[in-house]
PDB file of all heavy atoms in Angstrom:
ATOM      1  N   LEU A   1       6.306   9.014  -7.622  1.00  0.00           N
ATOM      2  CA  LEU A   1       6.228   9.710  -8.946  1.00  0.00           C
ATOM      3  C   LEU A   1       5.023  10.601  -9.049  1.00  0.00           C
ATOM      4  O   LEU A   1       4.541  10.791 -10.198  1.00  0.00           O
ATOM      5  CB  LEU A   1       6.316   8.719 -10.080  1.00  0.00           C
ATOM      6  CG  LEU A   1       7.504   7.736 -10.109  1.00  0.00           C
ATOM      7  CD1 LEU A   1       7.458   6.843 -11.351  1.00  0.00           C
ATOM      8  CD2 LEU A   1       8.815   8.517 -10.054  1.00  0.00           C
ATOM      9  N   THR A   2       4.535  11.209  -8.048  1.00  0.00           N
ATOM     10  CA  THR A   2       3.509  12.220  -8.168  1.00  0.00           C
ATOM     11  C   THR A   2       4.037  13.398  -8.970  1.00  0.00           C
ATOM     12  O   THR A   2       5.083  13.961  -8.640  1.00  0.00           O
ATOM     13  CB  THR A   2       3.063  12.729  -6.726  1.00  0.00           C
ATOM     14  OG1 THR A   2       2.629  11.572  -5.943  1.00  0.00           O
ATOM     15  CG2 THR A   2       1.884  13.687  -6.888  1.00  0.00           C
ATOM     16  N   SER A   3       3.323  13.792 -10.010  1.00  0.00           N
ATOM     17  CA  SER A   3       3.870  14.845 -10.922  1.00  0.00           C
ATOM     18  C   SER A   3       3.678  16.232 -10.375  1.00  0.00           C
ATOM     19  O   SER A   3       4.482  17.129 -10.672  1.00  0.00           O
ATOM     20  CB  SER A   3       3.213  14.713 -12.308  1.00  0.00           C
ATOM     21  OG  SER A   3       1.853  14.966 -12.174  1.00  0.00           O
ATOM     22  N   GLY A   4       2.641  16.482  -9.566  1.00  0.00           N
ATOM     23  CA  GLY A   4       2.409  17.797  -9.013  1.00  0.00           C
ATOM     24  C   GLY A   4       1.448  18.634  -9.841  1.00  0.00           C
ATOM     25  O   GLY A   4       1.380  18.473 -11.062  1.00  0.00           O
ATOM     26  N   LEU A   5       0.712  19.501  -9.140  1.00  0.00           N
ATOM     27  CA  LEU A   5      -0.236  20.386  -9.834  1.00  0.00           C
ATOM     28  C   LEU A   5       0.451  21.408 -10.693  1.00  0.00           C
ATOM     29  O   LEU A   5       1.453  22.003 -10.304  1.00  0.00           O
ATOM     30  CB  LEU A   5      -1.133  21.117  -8.784  1.00  0.00           C
ATOM     31  CG  LEU A   5      -2.208  22.025  -9.300  1.00  0.00           C
ATOM     32  CD1 LEU A   5      -3.274  21.231  -9.988  1.00  0.00           C
ATOM     33  CD2 LEU A   5      -2.761  22.857  -8.166  1.00  0.00           C
ATOM     34  N   ARG A   6      -0.103  21.654 -11.913  1.00  0.00           N
ATOM     35  CA  ARG A   6       0.491  22.638 -12.820  1.00  0.00           C
ATOM     36  C   ARG A   6      -0.363  23.897 -12.899  1.00  0.00           C
ATOM     37  O   ARG A   6       0.151  25.010 -12.716  1.00  0.00           O
ATOM     38  CB  ARG A   6       0.642  22.002 -14.213  1.00  0.00           C
ATOM     39  CG  ARG A   6       1.179  22.978 -15.242  1.00  0.00           C
ATOM     40  CD  ARG A   6       1.326  22.360 -16.586  1.00  0.00           C
ATOM     41  NE  ARG A   6       1.796  23.328 -17.561  1.00  0.00           N
ATOM     42  CZ  ARG A   6       1.998  22.995 -18.860  1.00  0.00           C
ATOM     43  NH1 ARG A   6       1.725  21.755 -19.259  1.00  0.00           N
ATOM     44  NH2 ARG A   6       2.444  23.899 -19.691  1.00  0.00           N
ATOM     45  N   SER A   7      -1.672  23.768 -13.161  1.00  0.00           N
ATOM     46  CA  SER A   7      -2.483  24.969 -13.425  1.00  0.00           C
ATOM     47  C   SER A   7      -3.969  24.634 -13.361  1.00  0.00           C
ATOM     48  O   SER A   7      -4.384  23.476 -13.296  1.00  0.00           O
ATOM     49  CB  SER A   7      -2.135  25.580 -14.791  1.00  0.00           C
ATOM     50  OG  SER A   7      -2.449  24.668 -15.821  1.00  0.00           O
ATOM     51  N   PHE A   8      -4.770  25.739 -13.454  1.00  0.00           N
ATOM     52  CA  PHE A   8      -6.228  25.605 -13.517  1.00  0.00           C
ATOM     53  C   PHE A   8      -6.706  26.199 -14.825  1.00  0.00           C
ATOM     54  O   PHE A   8      -6.124  27.146 -15.317  1.00  0.00           O
ATOM     55  CB  PHE A   8      -6.884  26.363 -12.327  1.00  0.00           C
ATOM     56  CG  PHE A   8      -6.545  25.831 -10.988  1.00  0.00           C
ATOM     57  CD1 PHE A   8      -5.603  26.435 -10.188  1.00  0.00           C
ATOM     58  CD2 PHE A   8      -7.203  24.686 -10.520  1.00  0.00           C
ATOM     59  CE1 PHE A   8      -5.326  25.960  -8.915  1.00  0.00           C
ATOM     60  CE2 PHE A   8      -6.910  24.166  -9.221  1.00  0.00           C
ATOM     61  CZ  PHE A   8      -5.991  24.793  -8.451  1.00  0.00           C
ATOM     62  N   GLU A   9      -7.829  25.685 -15.288  1.00  0.00           N
ATOM     63  CA  GLU A   9      -8.621  26.316 -16.331  1.00  0.00           C
ATOM     64  C   GLU A   9      -9.889  26.819 -15.772  1.00  0.00           C
ATOM     65  O   GLU A   9     -10.589  26.094 -15.058  1.00  0.00           O
ATOM     66  CB  GLU A   9      -8.869  25.355 -17.495  1.00  0.00           C
ATOM     67  CG  GLU A   9      -9.616  26.036 -18.673  1.00  0.00           C
ATOM     68  CD  GLU A   9      -9.801  25.104 -19.868  1.00  0.00           C
ATOM     69  OE1 GLU A   9      -9.397  23.970 -19.830  1.00  0.00           O
ATOM     70  OE2 GLU A   9     -10.441  25.613 -20.832  1.00  0.00           O
ATOM     71  N   VAL A  10     -10.251  28.116 -16.028  1.00  0.00           N
ATOM     72  CA  VAL A  10     -11.390  28.687 -15.416  1.00  0.00           C
ATOM     73  C   VAL A  10     -12.364  29.137 -16.527  1.00  0.00           C
ATOM     74  O   VAL A  10     -11.984  29.789 -17.506  1.00  0.00           O
ATOM     75  CB  VAL A  10     -11.024  29.988 -14.586  1.00  0.00           C
ATOM     76  CG1 VAL A  10     -12.223  30.558 -13.859  1.00  0.00           C
ATOM     77  CG2 VAL A  10      -9.914  29.584 -13.563  1.00  0.00           C
ATOM     78  N   GLN A  11     -13.630  28.776 -16.357  1.00  0.00           N
ATOM     79  CA  GLN A  11     -14.669  29.168 -17.319  1.00  0.00           C
ATOM     80  C   GLN A  11     -15.831  29.792 -16.563  1.00  0.00           C
ATOM     81  O   GLN A  11     -16.096  29.548 -15.411  1.00  0.00           O
ATOM     82  CB  GLN A  11     -15.175  27.923 -18.085  1.00  0.00           C
ATOM     83  CG  GLN A  11     -14.160  27.361 -19.065  1.00  0.00           C
ATOM     84  CD  GLN A  11     -14.795  26.325 -19.976  1.00  0.00           C
ATOM     85  OE1 GLN A  11     -15.775  25.695 -19.610  1.00  0.00           O
ATOM     86  NE2 GLN A  11     -14.200  26.085 -21.119  1.00  0.00           N
ATOM     87  N   ARG A  12     -16.583  30.665 -17.359  1.00  0.00           N
ATOM     88  CA  ARG A  12     -17.804  31.272 -16.824  1.00  0.00           C
ATOM     89  C   ARG A  12     -18.887  31.236 -17.838  1.00  0.00           C
ATOM     90  O   ARG A  12     -18.633  31.088 -19.074  1.00  0.00           O
ATOM     91  CB  ARG A  12     -17.508  32.719 -16.339  1.00  0.00           C
ATOM     92  CG  ARG A  12     -17.021  33.650 -17.441  1.00  0.00           C
ATOM     93  CD  ARG A  12     -18.167  34.342 -18.174  1.00  0.00           C
ATOM     94  NE  ARG A  12     -17.724  35.396 -19.088  1.00  0.00           N
ATOM     95  CZ  ARG A  12     -18.469  35.907 -20.037  1.00  0.00           C
ATOM     96  NH1 ARG A  12     -19.742  35.459 -20.248  1.00  0.00           N
ATOM     97  NH2 ARG A  12     -18.051  36.931 -20.765  1.00  0.00           N
ATOM     98  N   ARG A  13     -20.123  31.370 -17.408  1.00  0.00           N
ATOM     99  CA  ARG A  13     -21.252  31.511 -18.339  1.00  0.00           C
ATOM    100  C   ARG A  13     -22.281  32.441 -17.668  1.00  0.00           C
ATOM    101  O   ARG A  13     -22.375  32.513 -16.424  1.00  0.00           O
ATOM    102  CB  ARG A  13     -21.849  30.198 -18.734  1.00  0.00           C
ATOM    103  CG  ARG A  13     -22.592  29.423 -17.612  1.00  0.00           C
ATOM    104  CD  ARG A  13     -23.184  28.151 -18.240  1.00  0.00           C
ATOM    105  NE  ARG A  13     -23.846  27.357 -17.180  1.00  0.00           N
ATOM    106  CZ  ARG A  13     -24.431  26.233 -17.446  1.00  0.00           C
ATOM    107  NH1 ARG A  13     -24.415  25.677 -18.688  1.00  0.00           N
ATOM    108  NH2 ARG A  13     -25.032  25.527 -16.466  1.00  0.00           N
ATOM    109  N   VAL A  14     -23.091  33.027 -18.469  1.00  0.00           N
ATOM    110  CA  VAL A  14     -24.140  33.945 -18.042  1.00  0.00           C
ATOM    111  C   VAL A  14     -25.474  33.453 -18.526  1.00  0.00           C
ATOM    112  O   VAL A  14     -25.667  33.098 -19.678  1.00  0.00           O
ATOM    113  CB  VAL A  14     -23.889  35.402 -18.578  1.00  0.00           C
ATOM    114  CG1 VAL A  14     -24.970  36.338 -18.073  1.00  0.00           C
ATOM    115  CG2 VAL A  14     -22.488  35.902 -18.146  1.00  0.00           C
ATOM    116  N   ASP A  15     -26.445  33.342 -17.579  1.00  0.00           N
ATOM    117  CA  ASP A  15     -27.818  32.985 -17.847  1.00  0.00           C
ATOM    118  C   ASP A  15     -27.886  31.647 -18.572  1.00  0.00           C
ATOM    119  O   ASP A  15     -28.748  31.435 -19.470  1.00  0.00           O
ATOM    120  CB  ASP A  15     -28.506  34.043 -18.678  1.00  0.00           C
ATOM    121  CG  ASP A  15     -28.668  35.368 -17.887  1.00  0.00           C
ATOM    122  OD1 ASP A  15     -28.651  35.311 -16.637  1.00  0.00           O
ATOM    123  OD2 ASP A  15     -28.662  36.461 -18.535  1.00  0.00           O
ATOM    124  N   GLY A  16     -27.061  30.709 -18.174  1.00  0.00           N
ATOM    125  CA  GLY A  16     -27.113  29.321 -18.768  1.00  0.00           C
ATOM    126  C   GLY A  16     -26.646  29.213 -20.172  1.00  0.00           C
ATOM    127  O   GLY A  16     -26.865  28.258 -20.841  1.00  0.00           O
ATOM    128  N   GLY A  17     -25.910  30.261 -20.666  1.00  0.00           N
ATOM    129  CA  GLY A  17     -25.364  30.217 -22.015  1.00  0.00           C
ATOM    130  C   GLY A  17     -24.121  29.351 -22.164  1.00  0.00           C
ATOM    131  O   GLY A  17     -23.891  28.481 -21.314  1.00  0.00           O
ATOM    132  N   ALA A  18     -23.388  29.601 -23.213  1.00  0.00           N
ATOM    133  CA  ALA A  18     -22.180  28.804 -23.523  1.00  0.00           C
ATOM    134  C   ALA A  18     -21.073  29.126 -22.508  1.00  0.00           C
ATOM    135  O   ALA A  18     -20.940  30.243 -22.018  1.00  0.00           O
ATOM    136  CB  ALA A  18     -21.668  29.081 -24.881  1.00  0.00           C
ATOM    137  N   TRP A  19     -20.283  28.103 -22.123  1.00  0.00           N
ATOM    138  CA  TRP A  19     -19.136  28.303 -21.293  1.00  0.00           C
ATOM    139  C   TRP A  19     -18.037  29.015 -22.074  1.00  0.00           C
ATOM    140  O   TRP A  19     -17.697  28.683 -23.190  1.00  0.00           O
ATOM    141  CB  TRP A  19     -18.597  26.987 -20.748  1.00  0.00           C
ATOM    142  CG  TRP A  19     -19.497  26.377 -19.692  1.00  0.00           C
ATOM    143  CD1 TRP A  19     -20.327  25.328 -19.860  1.00  0.00           C
ATOM    144  CD2 TRP A  19     -19.592  26.776 -18.343  1.00  0.00           C
ATOM    145  NE1 TRP A  19     -20.998  25.021 -18.687  1.00  0.00           N
ATOM    146  CE2 TRP A  19     -20.529  25.878 -17.710  1.00  0.00           C
ATOM    147  CE3 TRP A  19     -18.979  27.754 -17.572  1.00  0.00           C
ATOM    148  CZ2 TRP A  19     -20.841  26.007 -16.333  1.00  0.00           C
ATOM    149  CZ3 TRP A  19     -19.308  27.847 -16.210  1.00  0.00           C
ATOM    150  CH2 TRP A  19     -20.274  26.994 -15.643  1.00  0.00           C
ATOM    151  N   ILE A  20     -17.420  30.044 -21.411  1.00  0.00           N
ATOM    152  CA  ILE A  20     -16.357  30.786 -22.027  1.00  0.00           C
ATOM    153  C   ILE A  20     -15.135  30.754 -21.099  1.00  0.00           C
ATOM    154  O   ILE A  20     -15.266  30.934 -19.888  1.00  0.00           O
ATOM    155  CB  ILE A  20     -16.769  32.243 -22.244  1.00  0.00           C
ATOM    156  CG1 ILE A  20     -17.941  32.325 -23.266  1.00  0.00           C
ATOM    157  CG2 ILE A  20     -15.572  33.091 -22.772  1.00  0.00           C
ATOM    158  CD1 ILE A  20     -18.519  33.680 -23.423  1.00  0.00           C
ATOM    159  N   SER A  21     -13.975  30.436 -21.640  1.00  0.00           N
ATOM    160  CA  SER A  21     -12.802  30.340 -20.826  1.00  0.00           C
ATOM    161  C   SER A  21     -12.221  31.737 -20.488  1.00  0.00           C
ATOM    162  O   SER A  21     -12.040  32.590 -21.338  1.00  0.00           O
ATOM    163  CB  SER A  21     -11.666  29.544 -21.564  1.00  0.00           C
ATOM    164  OG  SER A  21     -11.964  28.202 -21.669  1.00  0.00           O
ATOM    165  N   ILE A  22     -12.016  31.905 -19.170  1.00  0.00           N
ATOM    166  CA  ILE A  22     -11.429  33.166 -18.713  1.00  0.00           C
ATOM    167  C   ILE A  22      -9.878  32.963 -18.714  1.00  0.00           C
ATOM    168  O   ILE A  22      -9.120  33.857 -19.122  1.00  0.00           O
ATOM    169  CB  ILE A  22     -11.870  33.479 -17.276  1.00  0.00           C
ATOM    170  CG1 ILE A  22     -13.384  33.590 -17.260  1.00  0.00           C
ATOM    171  CG2 ILE A  22     -11.223  34.739 -16.785  1.00  0.00           C
ATOM    172  CD1 ILE A  22     -13.944  34.588 -18.190  1.00  0.00           C
ATOM    173  N   TRP A  23      -9.405  31.825 -18.217  1.00  0.00           N
ATOM    174  CA  TRP A  23      -7.990  31.454 -18.300  1.00  0.00           C
ATOM    175  C   TRP A  23      -7.935  29.958 -18.710  1.00  0.00           C
ATOM    176  O   TRP A  23      -8.677  29.141 -18.132  1.00  0.00           O
ATOM    177  CB  TRP A  23      -7.235  31.610 -16.937  1.00  0.00           C
ATOM    178  CG  TRP A  23      -7.126  33.010 -16.485  1.00  0.00           C
ATOM    179  CD1 TRP A  23      -6.177  33.921 -16.926  1.00  0.00           C
ATOM    180  CD2 TRP A  23      -7.882  33.660 -15.453  1.00  0.00           C
ATOM    181  NE1 TRP A  23      -6.357  35.096 -16.273  1.00  0.00           N
ATOM    182  CE2 TRP A  23      -7.395  34.980 -15.395  1.00  0.00           C
ATOM    183  CE3 TRP A  23      -8.913  33.241 -14.658  1.00  0.00           C
ATOM    184  CZ2 TRP A  23      -7.921  35.874 -14.455  1.00  0.00           C
ATOM    185  CZ3 TRP A  23      -9.467  34.112 -13.767  1.00  0.00           C
ATOM    186  CH2 TRP A  23      -8.953  35.455 -13.679  1.00  0.00           C
ATOM    187  N   THR A  24      -7.096  29.669 -19.628  1.00  0.00           N
ATOM    188  CA  THR A  24      -6.923  28.234 -19.987  1.00  0.00           C
ATOM    189  C   THR A  24      -5.815  27.619 -19.130  1.00  0.00           C
ATOM    190  O   THR A  24      -5.728  26.397 -19.024  1.00  0.00           O
ATOM    191  CB  THR A  24      -6.568  28.082 -21.481  1.00  0.00           C
ATOM    192  OG1 THR A  24      -5.390  28.872 -21.748  1.00  0.00           O
ATOM    193  CG2 THR A  24      -7.713  28.530 -22.340  1.00  0.00           C
ATOM    194  N   SER A  25      -4.955  28.510 -18.569  1.00  0.00           N
ATOM    195  CA  SER A  25      -3.865  28.003 -17.717  1.00  0.00           C
ATOM    196  C   SER A  25      -3.477  29.135 -16.735  1.00  0.00           C
ATOM    197  O   SER A  25      -2.958  30.154 -17.188  1.00  0.00           O
ATOM    198  CB  SER A  25      -2.644  27.594 -18.537  1.00  0.00           C
ATOM    199  OG  SER A  25      -1.625  27.118 -17.717  1.00  0.00           O
ATOM    200  N   THR A  26      -3.800  28.936 -15.486  1.00  0.00           N
ATOM    201  CA  THR A  26      -3.443  29.912 -14.485  1.00  0.00           C
ATOM    202  C   THR A  26      -3.100  29.288 -13.156  1.00  0.00           C
ATOM    203  O   THR A  26      -3.662  28.242 -12.848  1.00  0.00           O
ATOM    204  CB  THR A  26      -4.611  30.956 -14.279  1.00  0.00           C
ATOM    205  OG1 THR A  26      -4.193  31.942 -13.313  1.00  0.00           O
ATOM    206  CG2 THR A  26      -5.845  30.266 -13.759  1.00  0.00           C
ATOM    207  N   GLY A  27      -2.239  29.913 -12.382  1.00  0.00           N
ATOM    208  CA  GLY A  27      -1.918  29.421 -11.052  1.00  0.00           C
ATOM    209  C   GLY A  27      -2.744  30.137  -9.973  1.00  0.00           C
ATOM    210  O   GLY A  27      -2.627  29.772  -8.782  1.00  0.00           O
ATOM    211  N   ARG A  28      -3.505  31.133 -10.347  1.00  0.00           N
ATOM    212  CA  ARG A  28      -4.241  31.874  -9.347  1.00  0.00           C
ATOM    213  C   ARG A  28      -5.397  31.029  -8.795  1.00  0.00           C
ATOM    214  O   ARG A  28      -5.883  30.097  -9.423  1.00  0.00           O
ATOM    215  CB  ARG A  28      -4.765  33.191  -9.908  1.00  0.00           C
ATOM    216  CG  ARG A  28      -5.766  33.047 -11.044  1.00  0.00           C
ATOM    217  CD  ARG A  28      -5.993  34.361 -11.770  1.00  0.00           C
ATOM    218  NE  ARG A  28      -6.491  35.374 -10.839  1.00  0.00           N
ATOM    219  CZ  ARG A  28      -6.495  36.704 -11.137  1.00  0.00           C
ATOM    220  NH1 ARG A  28      -6.109  37.140 -12.320  1.00  0.00           N
ATOM    221  NH2 ARG A  28      -6.959  37.586 -10.270  1.00  0.00           N
ATOM    222  N   ARG A  29      -5.900  31.426  -7.627  1.00  0.00           N
ATOM    223  CA  ARG A  29      -6.968  30.693  -6.944  1.00  0.00           C
ATOM    224  C   ARG A  29      -8.174  31.558  -6.591  1.00  0.00           C
ATOM    225  O   ARG A  29      -9.035  31.155  -5.802  1.00  0.00           O
ATOM    226  CB  ARG A  29      -6.439  29.992  -5.726  1.00  0.00           C
ATOM    227  CG  ARG A  29      -5.445  28.866  -5.999  1.00  0.00           C
ATOM    228  CD  ARG A  29      -4.783  28.274  -4.802  1.00  0.00           C
ATOM    229  NE  ARG A  29      -3.856  27.178  -5.130  1.00  0.00           N
ATOM    230  CZ  ARG A  29      -4.166  25.884  -5.062  1.00  0.00           C
ATOM    231  NH1 ARG A  29      -5.329  25.517  -4.638  1.00  0.00           N
ATOM    232  NH2 ARG A  29      -3.235  24.981  -5.422  1.00  0.00           N
ATOM    233  N   SER A  30      -8.202  32.721  -7.176  1.00  0.00           N
ATOM    234  CA  SER A  30      -9.402  33.580  -6.940  1.00  0.00           C
ATOM    235  C   SER A  30      -9.522  34.573  -8.099  1.00  0.00           C
ATOM    236  O   SER A  30      -8.561  34.843  -8.850  1.00  0.00           O
ATOM    237  CB  SER A  30      -9.297  34.363  -5.604  1.00  0.00           C
ATOM    238  OG  SER A  30      -8.214  35.268  -5.628  1.00  0.00           O
ATOM    239  N   TRP A  31     -10.716  35.135  -8.229  1.00  0.00           N
ATOM    240  CA  TRP A  31     -10.972  36.087  -9.312  1.00  0.00           C
ATOM    241  C   TRP A  31     -12.169  36.976  -8.921  1.00  0.00           C
ATOM    242  O   TRP A  31     -13.209  36.449  -8.501  1.00  0.00           O
ATOM    243  CB  TRP A  31     -11.335  35.312 -10.578  1.00  0.00           C
ATOM    244  CG  TRP A  31     -11.820  36.106 -11.753  1.00  0.00           C
ATOM    245  CD1 TRP A  31     -11.276  37.239 -12.231  1.00  0.00           C
ATOM    246  CD2 TRP A  31     -12.950  35.800 -12.583  1.00  0.00           C
ATOM    247  NE1 TRP A  31     -12.002  37.709 -13.334  1.00  0.00           N
ATOM    248  CE2 TRP A  31     -12.997  36.839 -13.583  1.00  0.00           C
ATOM    249  CE3 TRP A  31     -13.887  34.777 -12.632  1.00  0.00           C
ATOM    250  CZ2 TRP A  31     -14.003  36.875 -14.534  1.00  0.00           C
ATOM    251  CZ3 TRP A  31     -14.828  34.797 -13.609  1.00  0.00           C
ATOM    252  CH2 TRP A  31     -14.909  35.808 -14.560  1.00  0.00           C
ATOM    253  N   ALA A  32     -11.967  38.255  -8.992  1.00  0.00           N
ATOM    254  CA  ALA A  32     -13.061  39.212  -8.635  1.00  0.00           C
ATOM    255  C   ALA A  32     -13.538  39.858  -9.932  1.00  0.00           C
ATOM    256  O   ALA A  32     -12.757  40.286 -10.764  1.00  0.00           O
ATOM    257  CB  ALA A  32     -12.513  40.256  -7.712  1.00  0.00           C
ATOM    258  N   THR A  33     -14.858  39.860 -10.101  1.00  0.00           N
ATOM    259  CA  THR A  33     -15.487  40.373 -11.292  1.00  0.00           C
ATOM    260  C   THR A  33     -16.863  41.014 -10.954  1.00  0.00           C
ATOM    261  O   THR A  33     -17.427  40.673  -9.925  1.00  0.00           O
ATOM    262  CB  THR A  33     -15.604  39.346 -12.387  1.00  0.00           C
ATOM    263  OG1 THR A  33     -15.993  39.944 -13.635  1.00  0.00           O
ATOM    264  CG2 THR A  33     -16.654  38.279 -12.026  1.00  0.00           C
ATOM    265  N   TYR A  34     -17.354  41.858 -11.856  1.00  0.00           N
ATOM    266  CA  TYR A  34     -18.650  42.429 -11.693  1.00  0.00           C
ATOM    267  C   TYR A  34     -19.707  41.527 -12.383  1.00  0.00           C
ATOM    268  O   TYR A  34     -19.523  41.067 -13.506  1.00  0.00           O
ATOM    269  CB  TYR A  34     -18.709  43.806 -12.300  1.00  0.00           C
ATOM    270  CG  TYR A  34     -17.994  44.870 -11.502  1.00  0.00           C
ATOM    271  CD1 TYR A  34     -16.899  45.520 -12.037  1.00  0.00           C
ATOM    272  CD2 TYR A  34     -18.427  45.213 -10.262  1.00  0.00           C
ATOM    273  CE1 TYR A  34     -16.199  46.489 -11.304  1.00  0.00           C
ATOM    274  CE2 TYR A  34     -17.807  46.228  -9.490  1.00  0.00           C
ATOM    275  CZ  TYR A  34     -16.645  46.823 -10.081  1.00  0.00           C
ATOM    276  OH  TYR A  34     -15.997  47.771  -9.341  1.00  0.00           O
ATOM    277  N   VAL A  35     -20.779  41.298 -11.619  1.00  0.00           N
ATOM    278  CA  VAL A  35     -21.914  40.523 -12.155  1.00  0.00           C
ATOM    279  C   VAL A  35     -23.088  41.459 -12.449  1.00  0.00           C
ATOM    280  O   VAL A  35     -23.494  42.165 -11.472  1.00  0.00           O
ATOM    281  CB  VAL A  35     -22.326  39.395 -11.158  1.00  0.00           C
ATOM    282  CG1 VAL A  35     -23.586  38.675 -11.632  1.00  0.00           C
ATOM    283  CG2 VAL A  35     -21.158  38.471 -10.898  1.00  0.00           C
ATOM    284  N   PRO A  36     -23.573  41.557 -13.615  1.00  0.00           N
ATOM    285  CA  PRO A  36     -24.713  42.444 -13.978  1.00  0.00           C
ATOM    286  C   PRO A  36     -25.945  42.093 -13.099  1.00  0.00           C
ATOM    287  O   PRO A  36     -26.308  40.932 -13.004  1.00  0.00           O
ATOM    288  CB  PRO A  36     -24.964  42.274 -15.425  1.00  0.00           C
ATOM    289  CG  PRO A  36     -23.699  41.677 -15.962  1.00  0.00           C
ATOM    290  CD  PRO A  36     -23.127  40.844 -14.852  1.00  0.00           C
ATOM    291  N   VAL A  37     -26.583  43.106 -12.549  1.00  0.00           N
ATOM    292  CA  VAL A  37     -27.840  42.866 -11.789  1.00  0.00           C
ATOM    293  C   VAL A  37     -28.895  42.351 -12.760  1.00  0.00           C
ATOM    294  O   VAL A  37     -29.040  42.804 -13.860  1.00  0.00           O
ATOM    295  CB  VAL A  37     -28.296  44.223 -11.156  1.00  0.00           C
ATOM    296  CG1 VAL A  37     -29.703  44.043 -10.536  1.00  0.00           C
ATOM    297  CG2 VAL A  37     -27.284  44.651 -10.093  1.00  0.00           C
TER     298      VAL A  37
END
C-alpha cells in the first residue's frame, strides 16, 4: 500500500529573511533563477 510521491513544495529566502513559497505543489525537480550579486 505505498501511496506514491505526489509533489514538492519549494521555498526560498534571501539574506536569512522569511521563507517564501515559490511552488506549494509542483512535480518539477529543478529551477533556474537569478541571484542578485
